[in-house]
Amino acid sequence: MRRNVLPNLQERQNASAQAKKAMLEKFRATPGPDDPGVQERRAAREAMLAERAARTAQREAAKRAREVELAEQAARAAALAEQAEREAAEMAARAAAEQAEREAAILAEQKAARDERYAARKAAKKQRRKG
């Protein structure tokens, strides 16, 4: 049969003291800030951070360049659209002017024909009166 072994107070205190001593030794064993290994790791970490900052700056510069390029493309597209609008407006104005000229020519022809018919009627009436 198994016997429940409960440590007495002295054993528990000894175990606690040993644990504290082990933690203190572990803390004392860690290298200080002036240790060459620690300095080497710190230098490597700083170099890595500098590289990361350089890559971030490079990405930001590329992003700004893309934004500038997109803005230039948008400006060119807007200029082309504006030019196309102007050309369309000019074509519409020319077409309207040509249509107005055609209508004026047609009206002039109709008036001339009407005047001619009126003159012919008047001449015929004069001829009939003369006998």
Protein backbone atom coordinates (compact mmCIF):
# COMPACT_ATOMS: atom_id res chain seq x y z
CA MET A 1 0.00 0.00 0.00
CA ARG A 2 0.99 3.50 -0.69
CA ARG A 3 1.73 5.75 2.15
CA ASN A 4 0.87 9.44 1.96
CA VAL A 5 4.04 11.28 2.73
CA LEU A 6 3.46 14.82 3.74
CA PRO A 7 6.63 16.80 4.25
CA ASN A 8 6.92 18.41 7.58
CA LEU A 9 7.55 22.11 8.12
CA GLN A 10 11.33 21.83 8.15
CA GLU A 11 11.41 19.99 4.81
CA ARG A 12 9.13 22.55 3.21
CA GLN A 13 11.27 25.43 4.45
CA ASN A 14 14.44 23.73 3.17
CA ALA A 15 12.86 23.14 -0.24
CA SER A 16 11.73 26.80 -0.41
CA ALA A 17 15.20 28.03 0.58
CA GLN A 18 16.80 25.81 -2.07
CA ALA A 19 14.39 27.10 -4.72
CA LYS A 20 15.17 30.70 -3.77
CA LYS A 21 18.90 29.95 -3.84
CA ALA A 22 18.58 28.34 -7.31
CA MET A 23 16.69 31.36 -8.63
CA LEU A 24 19.31 33.71 -7.19
CA GLU A 25 22.13 31.68 -8.77
CA LYS A 26 20.31 31.66 -12.10
CA PHE A 27 19.93 35.44 -11.91
CA ARG A 28 23.59 35.91 -11.00
CA ALA A 29 24.65 33.61 -13.85
CA THR A 30 23.00 35.78 -16.50
CA PRO A 31 25.52 37.95 -18.33
CA GLY A 32 25.50 41.70 -17.71
CA PRO A 33 25.07 44.44 -20.29
CA ASP A 34 28.82 44.74 -20.82
CA ASP A 35 29.25 41.03 -21.64
CA PRO A 36 30.63 40.49 -25.21
CA GLY A 37 27.87 38.01 -26.10
CA VAL A 38 25.17 40.44 -24.98
CA GLN A 39 26.82 43.30 -26.87
CA GLU A 40 27.08 41.14 -29.99
CA ARG A 41 23.39 40.21 -29.82
CA ARG A 42 22.47 43.87 -29.22
CA ALA A 43 24.55 44.96 -32.22
CA ALA A 44 22.92 42.27 -34.39
CA ARG A 45 19.48 43.37 -33.20
CA GLU A 46 20.28 47.04 -33.95
CA ALA A 47 21.60 46.11 -37.41
CA MET A 48 18.43 44.15 -38.09
CA LEU A 49 16.30 47.11 -36.96
CA ALA A 50 18.31 49.46 -39.19
CA GLU A 51 17.81 47.12 -42.17
CA ARG A 52 14.11 46.92 -41.39
CA ALA A 53 13.87 50.72 -41.21
CA ALA A 54 15.72 51.00 -44.54
CA ARG A 55 13.34 48.51 -46.18
CA THR A 56 10.35 50.36 -44.73
CA ALA A 57 11.69 53.67 -46.05
CA GLN A 58 12.27 52.05 -49.44
CA ARG A 59 8.71 50.72 -49.51
CA GLU A 60 7.34 54.13 -48.52
CA ALA A 61 9.38 55.82 -51.26
CA ALA A 62 8.13 53.29 -53.82
CA LYS A 63 4.57 53.81 -52.57
CA ARG A 64 4.89 57.60 -52.92
CA ALA A 65 6.37 57.18 -56.41
CA ARG A 66 3.42 54.96 -57.39
CA GLU A 67 0.99 57.52 -55.96
CA VAL A 68 2.69 60.31 -57.92
CA GLU A 69 2.61 58.19 -61.08
CA LEU A 70 -1.07 57.40 -60.56
CA ALA A 71 -1.82 61.08 -59.99
CA GLU A 72 0.02 61.97 -63.21
CA GLN A 73 -1.89 59.29 -65.09
CA ALA A 74 -5.16 60.58 -63.69
CA ALA A 75 -4.21 64.13 -64.71
CA ARG A 76 -3.34 62.95 -68.23
CA ALA A 77 -6.60 61.02 -68.45
CA ALA A 78 -8.54 64.07 -67.25
CA ALA A 79 -6.76 66.26 -69.82
CA LEU A 80 -7.54 63.77 -72.59
CA ALA A 81 -11.16 63.57 -71.47
CA GLU A 82 -11.40 67.36 -71.39
CA GLN A 83 -9.86 67.58 -74.86
CA ALA A 84 -12.28 64.94 -76.16
CA GLU A 85 -15.15 66.88 -74.57
CA ARG A 86 -13.99 70.08 -76.25
CA GLU A 87 -13.67 68.32 -79.60
CA ALA A 88 -17.14 66.80 -79.20
CA ALA A 89 -18.56 70.20 -78.30
CA GLU A 90 -16.83 71.77 -81.34
CA MET A 91 -18.18 69.01 -83.60
CA ALA A 92 -21.67 69.49 -82.16
CA ALA A 93 -21.40 73.26 -82.67
CA ARG A 94 -20.19 72.74 -86.27
CA ALA A 95 -23.01 70.27 -86.92
CA ALA A 96 -25.54 72.70 -85.45
CA ALA A 97 -24.12 75.54 -87.59
CA GLU A 98 -24.24 73.37 -90.71
CA GLN A 99 -27.81 72.34 -89.89
CA ALA A 100 -28.77 75.99 -89.39
CA GLU A 101 -27.13 76.89 -92.74
CA ARG A 102 -29.02 74.07 -94.49
CA GLU A 103 -32.30 75.17 -92.91
CA ALA A 104 -31.61 78.78 -93.90
CA ALA A 105 -30.82 77.65 -97.47
CA ILE A 106 -34.00 75.59 -97.60
CA LEU A 107 -36.04 78.50 -96.25
CA ALA A 108 -34.42 80.81 -98.82
CA GLU A 109 -35.23 78.35 -101.62
CA GLN A 110 -38.80 78.02 -100.39
CA LYS A 111 -39.16 81.81 -100.21
CA ALA A 112 -37.73 82.19 -103.69
CA ALA A 113 -40.14 79.56 -105.03
CA ARG A 114 -43.04 81.23 -103.22
CA ASP A 115 -42.02 84.66 -104.56
CA GLU A 116 -41.72 83.16 -108.05
CA ARG A 117 -45.20 81.63 -107.80
CA TYR A 118 -46.58 84.93 -106.51
CA ALA A 119 -44.92 86.84 -109.34
CA ALA A 120 -46.25 84.30 -111.86
CA ARG A 121 -49.76 84.58 -110.42
CA LYS A 122 -49.56 88.36 -110.51
CA ALA A 123 -48.29 88.30 -114.10
CA ALA A 124 -51.06 85.91 -115.11
CA LYS A 125 -53.64 88.11 -113.43
CA LYS A 126 -52.22 91.16 -115.24
CA GLN A 127 -52.29 89.24 -118.52
CA ARG A 128 -55.93 88.29 -117.97
CA ARG A 129 -56.88 91.88 -117.23
CA LYS A 130 -55.25 93.12 -120.39
CA GLY A 131 -57.24 90.81 -122.32
